[in-house]
N, C-alpha and C. Protein backbone atom coordinates (compact mmCIF):
# COMPACT_ATOMS: atom_id res chain seq x y z
N MET A 1 110.84 102.43 106.86
CA MET A 1 110.06 102.23 105.29
C MET A 1 109.57 100.77 105.33
N ILE A 2 108.47 100.95 104.89
CA ILE A 2 107.57 99.68 104.73
C ILE A 2 107.52 99.01 103.30
N TYR A 3 108.17 97.85 103.33
CA TYR A 3 108.38 97.24 102.14
C TYR A 3 107.27 96.12 101.83
N GLY A 4 106.40 96.66 100.66
CA GLY A 4 105.30 95.69 100.60
C GLY A 4 105.29 94.97 99.12
N ASP A 5 104.02 94.30 98.95
CA ASP A 5 104.01 93.61 97.68
C ASP A 5 102.98 94.13 96.94
N TYR A 6 102.77 94.01 95.64
CA TYR A 6 102.17 94.82 94.64
C TYR A 6 100.58 93.97 94.43
N ASP A 7 100.36 93.10 94.83
CA ASP A 7 99.06 92.42 95.08
C ASP A 7 98.26 93.26 95.64
N VAL A 8 96.73 92.96 95.89
CA VAL A 8 95.76 93.62 96.33
C VAL A 8 95.93 94.00 98.19
N ASP A 9 96.43 92.73 98.56
CA ASP A 9 96.55 92.61 100.03
C ASP A 9 97.77 93.26 100.47
N GLY A 10 98.91 93.21 99.71
CA GLY A 10 100.17 93.94 99.86
C GLY A 10 99.90 95.23 99.91
N THR A 11 99.34 95.82 98.88
CA THR A 11 99.55 97.44 98.69
C THR A 11 98.25 97.97 99.72
N THR A 12 97.30 97.11 100.08
CA THR A 12 96.36 97.56 101.24
C THR A 12 97.14 97.52 102.48
N ALA A 13 97.98 96.86 102.71
CA ALA A 13 99.01 96.63 104.02
C ALA A 13 99.51 97.99 103.93
N VAL A 14 100.13 98.06 102.81
CA VAL A 14 100.95 99.11 102.87
C VAL A 14 100.42 100.59 103.42
N VAL A 15 99.28 100.57 102.67
CA VAL A 15 98.43 102.19 102.86
C VAL A 15 97.91 102.31 104.38
N ILE A 16 97.58 100.92 104.61
CA ILE A 16 96.94 101.12 106.08
C ILE A 16 98.03 101.40 107.13
N LEU A 17 99.18 100.69 107.08
CA LEU A 17 100.33 100.97 108.00
C LEU A 17 100.87 102.29 107.80
N LYS A 18 101.17 102.68 106.45
CA LYS A 18 101.58 104.07 106.50
C LYS A 18 100.64 105.06 107.01
N THR A 19 99.34 105.14 106.94
CA THR A 19 98.34 105.94 107.45
C THR A 19 98.64 105.95 109.05
N ALA A 20 98.55 104.59 109.39
CA ALA A 20 98.54 104.41 111.01
C ALA A 20 99.90 105.26 111.63
N ILE A 21 101.02 104.87 110.94
CA ILE A 21 102.08 105.56 111.36
C ILE A 21 102.28 107.14 111.18
N GLU A 22 101.59 107.91 110.32
CA GLU A 22 101.46 108.97 110.10
C GLU A 22 100.70 109.57 110.63
N LEU A 23 99.18 109.06 111.15
CA LEU A 23 98.39 109.50 112.07
C LEU A 23 98.98 109.40 113.81
N CYS A 24 99.80 108.66 113.94
CA CYS A 24 100.37 108.50 115.44
C CYS A 24 101.75 110.04 115.35
N GLY A 25 101.69 110.43 114.21
CA GLY A 25 102.96 111.26 113.82
C GLY A 25 104.05 110.99 113.64
N GLY A 26 104.34 110.06 112.86
CA GLY A 26 105.63 109.26 112.43
C GLY A 26 105.70 109.72 111.01
N THR A 27 106.52 109.69 110.52
CA THR A 27 106.99 109.58 108.98
C THR A 27 107.36 108.24 108.58
N THR A 28 107.18 108.17 107.27
CA THR A 28 107.51 106.75 106.59
C THR A 28 107.65 107.03 105.10
N ASP A 29 108.60 106.03 104.70
CA ASP A 29 108.74 105.80 103.15
C ASP A 29 108.09 104.21 102.80
N PHE A 30 107.79 104.05 101.74
CA PHE A 30 107.59 102.84 101.30
C PHE A 30 107.92 102.25 100.12
N HIS A 31 108.16 100.73 99.82
CA HIS A 31 108.44 100.41 98.67
C HIS A 31 107.57 99.25 98.12
N VAL A 32 107.19 99.29 96.88
CA VAL A 32 106.30 98.12 96.39
C VAL A 32 107.08 97.83 94.90
N PRO A 33 107.47 96.76 94.84
CA PRO A 33 108.37 96.36 93.71
C PRO A 33 107.63 96.22 92.40
N HIS A 34 108.27 96.46 91.21
CA HIS A 34 107.44 96.33 90.19
C HIS A 34 107.04 95.16 89.82
N ARG A 35 105.71 94.94 89.40
CA ARG A 35 105.28 93.92 88.97
C ARG A 35 106.08 92.76 88.05
N ILE A 36 106.43 93.20 87.31
CA ILE A 36 107.25 92.52 86.30
C ILE A 36 108.90 92.36 86.52
N LYS A 37 109.28 93.64 86.75
CA LYS A 37 110.79 93.77 86.67
C LYS A 37 111.51 93.14 88.10
N ARG A 38 111.02 93.28 89.12
CA ARG A 38 111.25 92.70 90.22
C ARG A 38 110.87 91.69 91.18
N ARG A 39 109.94 91.11 90.62
CA ARG A 39 109.12 89.84 91.28
C ARG A 39 109.01 90.27 92.83
N LEU A 40 108.67 89.11 93.57
CA LEU A 40 108.07 88.95 94.86
C LEU A 40 108.86 88.93 95.78
N ARG A 41 110.21 89.52 95.95
CA ARG A 41 111.31 89.25 96.67
C ARG A 41 111.87 90.51 97.51
N ILE A 42 112.18 90.57 98.52
CA ILE A 42 112.82 91.94 99.02
C ILE A 42 114.32 91.72 98.79
N LYS A 43 114.65 92.92 98.04
CA LYS A 43 115.60 92.96 97.46
C LYS A 43 117.08 93.99 98.16
N ASP A 44 118.27 93.33 98.46
CA ASP A 44 119.31 93.55 99.30
C ASP A 44 119.44 95.42 98.71
N ASP A 45 119.34 95.67 97.42
CA ASP A 45 119.61 96.96 96.84
C ASP A 45 118.69 98.09 97.30
N VAL A 46 117.61 97.66 97.54
CA VAL A 46 116.43 98.27 97.90
C VAL A 46 116.75 98.92 99.28
N ILE A 47 116.96 97.97 100.20
CA ILE A 47 117.27 98.17 101.46
C ILE A 47 118.52 99.37 101.57
N GLU A 48 119.50 98.58 100.89
CA GLU A 48 120.80 99.66 100.59
C GLU A 48 120.89 101.01 100.20
N THR A 49 119.96 101.28 99.33
CA THR A 49 119.73 102.44 98.87
C THR A 49 119.03 103.62 99.80
N ARG A 50 118.19 102.76 100.82
CA ARG A 50 117.57 103.88 101.76
C ARG A 50 118.55 103.75 103.04
N ARG A 51 119.87 103.44 103.09
CA ARG A 51 120.65 103.71 104.19
C ARG A 51 121.18 104.77 104.39
N CYS A 52 121.42 105.91 103.17
CA CYS A 52 121.57 107.01 103.27
C CYS A 52 120.69 108.01 103.81
N ARG A 53 119.40 107.52 103.73
CA ARG A 53 118.19 108.30 104.37
C ARG A 53 117.87 108.44 105.63
N TRP A 54 116.92 108.63 106.03
CA TRP A 54 116.48 108.63 107.69
C TRP A 54 115.85 107.43 108.06
N VAL A 55 115.86 106.40 107.40
CA VAL A 55 115.47 104.92 107.41
C VAL A 55 116.17 104.41 108.77
N LYS A 56 115.40 103.85 109.76
CA LYS A 56 115.73 103.48 110.98
C LYS A 56 115.15 102.25 111.09
N VAL A 57 113.99 101.80 110.44
CA VAL A 57 113.40 100.63 110.57
C VAL A 57 112.86 100.01 109.12
N VAL A 58 112.65 98.89 109.07
CA VAL A 58 112.02 98.42 107.97
C VAL A 58 111.36 97.21 108.00
N ILE A 59 109.70 97.57 107.63
CA ILE A 59 109.04 96.69 108.13
C ILE A 59 108.04 95.94 106.85
N SER A 60 108.23 94.77 106.74
CA SER A 60 107.74 94.12 105.52
C SER A 60 106.25 93.48 105.91
N VAL A 61 105.42 93.74 104.50
CA VAL A 61 104.06 93.63 104.89
C VAL A 61 103.89 92.43 103.56
N ASP A 62 103.15 91.53 103.85
CA ASP A 62 102.73 90.67 102.94
C ASP A 62 103.97 90.08 101.80
N THR A 63 105.11 89.98 102.38
CA THR A 63 106.26 89.60 101.57
C THR A 63 107.42 89.21 102.38
N GLY A 64 108.44 88.63 102.18
CA GLY A 64 109.76 88.94 103.02
C GLY A 64 109.98 87.51 104.28
N ILE A 65 108.91 86.65 104.38
CA ILE A 65 108.60 85.70 105.37
C ILE A 65 110.16 84.99 105.50
N ARG A 66 110.74 84.69 104.22
CA ARG A 66 111.84 83.94 104.11
C ARG A 66 113.21 84.65 103.68
N ALA A 67 113.02 85.89 103.65
CA ALA A 67 114.32 87.04 103.31
C ALA A 67 115.21 87.20 104.28
N PHE A 68 115.98 86.01 104.52
CA PHE A 68 116.93 86.10 105.64
C PHE A 68 118.15 86.86 104.78
N GLN A 69 118.54 86.86 103.90
CA GLN A 69 119.47 87.75 103.35
C GLN A 69 119.29 89.15 103.30
N ALA A 70 118.11 89.68 103.11
CA ALA A 70 117.56 91.02 103.22
C ALA A 70 117.67 91.27 104.66
N ALA A 71 117.23 90.52 105.48
CA ALA A 71 117.27 90.83 106.89
C ALA A 71 118.89 91.01 107.59
N GLU A 72 119.74 90.47 107.10
CA GLU A 72 120.81 90.69 107.52
C GLU A 72 121.56 91.81 106.90
N THR A 73 121.15 92.22 105.53
CA THR A 73 121.42 93.73 105.20
C THR A 73 120.91 94.59 105.59
N ALA A 74 119.46 94.55 106.24
CA ALA A 74 119.03 95.52 106.92
C ALA A 74 119.79 95.77 108.33
N LEU A 75 120.34 94.57 109.04
CA LEU A 75 120.68 94.95 110.22
C LEU A 75 121.95 95.63 110.22
N ARG A 76 122.81 95.26 109.05
CA ARG A 76 124.22 96.15 108.53
C ARG A 76 124.06 97.48 108.53
N VAL A 77 123.02 97.78 107.49
CA VAL A 77 122.98 99.17 107.10
C VAL A 77 121.97 100.10 107.58
N VAL A 78 120.91 99.64 108.35
CA VAL A 78 119.78 100.57 108.71
C VAL A 78 120.30 100.90 110.39
């Protein structure tokens, strides 16, 4: 899963990385938070909802540099 940001460089990074992964034969999901409702923070609940899916790796682009709690959640559930 690619966890991006809603600004121009964040959404561009999500599209480029998603395209590259798919061109290499992989499959990917992505999440871009709602600009008003979610703000710019990686949320534990987003990662936890993906745990029942096929997600094995979470990649953050343009966000999450200090998301230590989200990283701990990802280690636990992914």
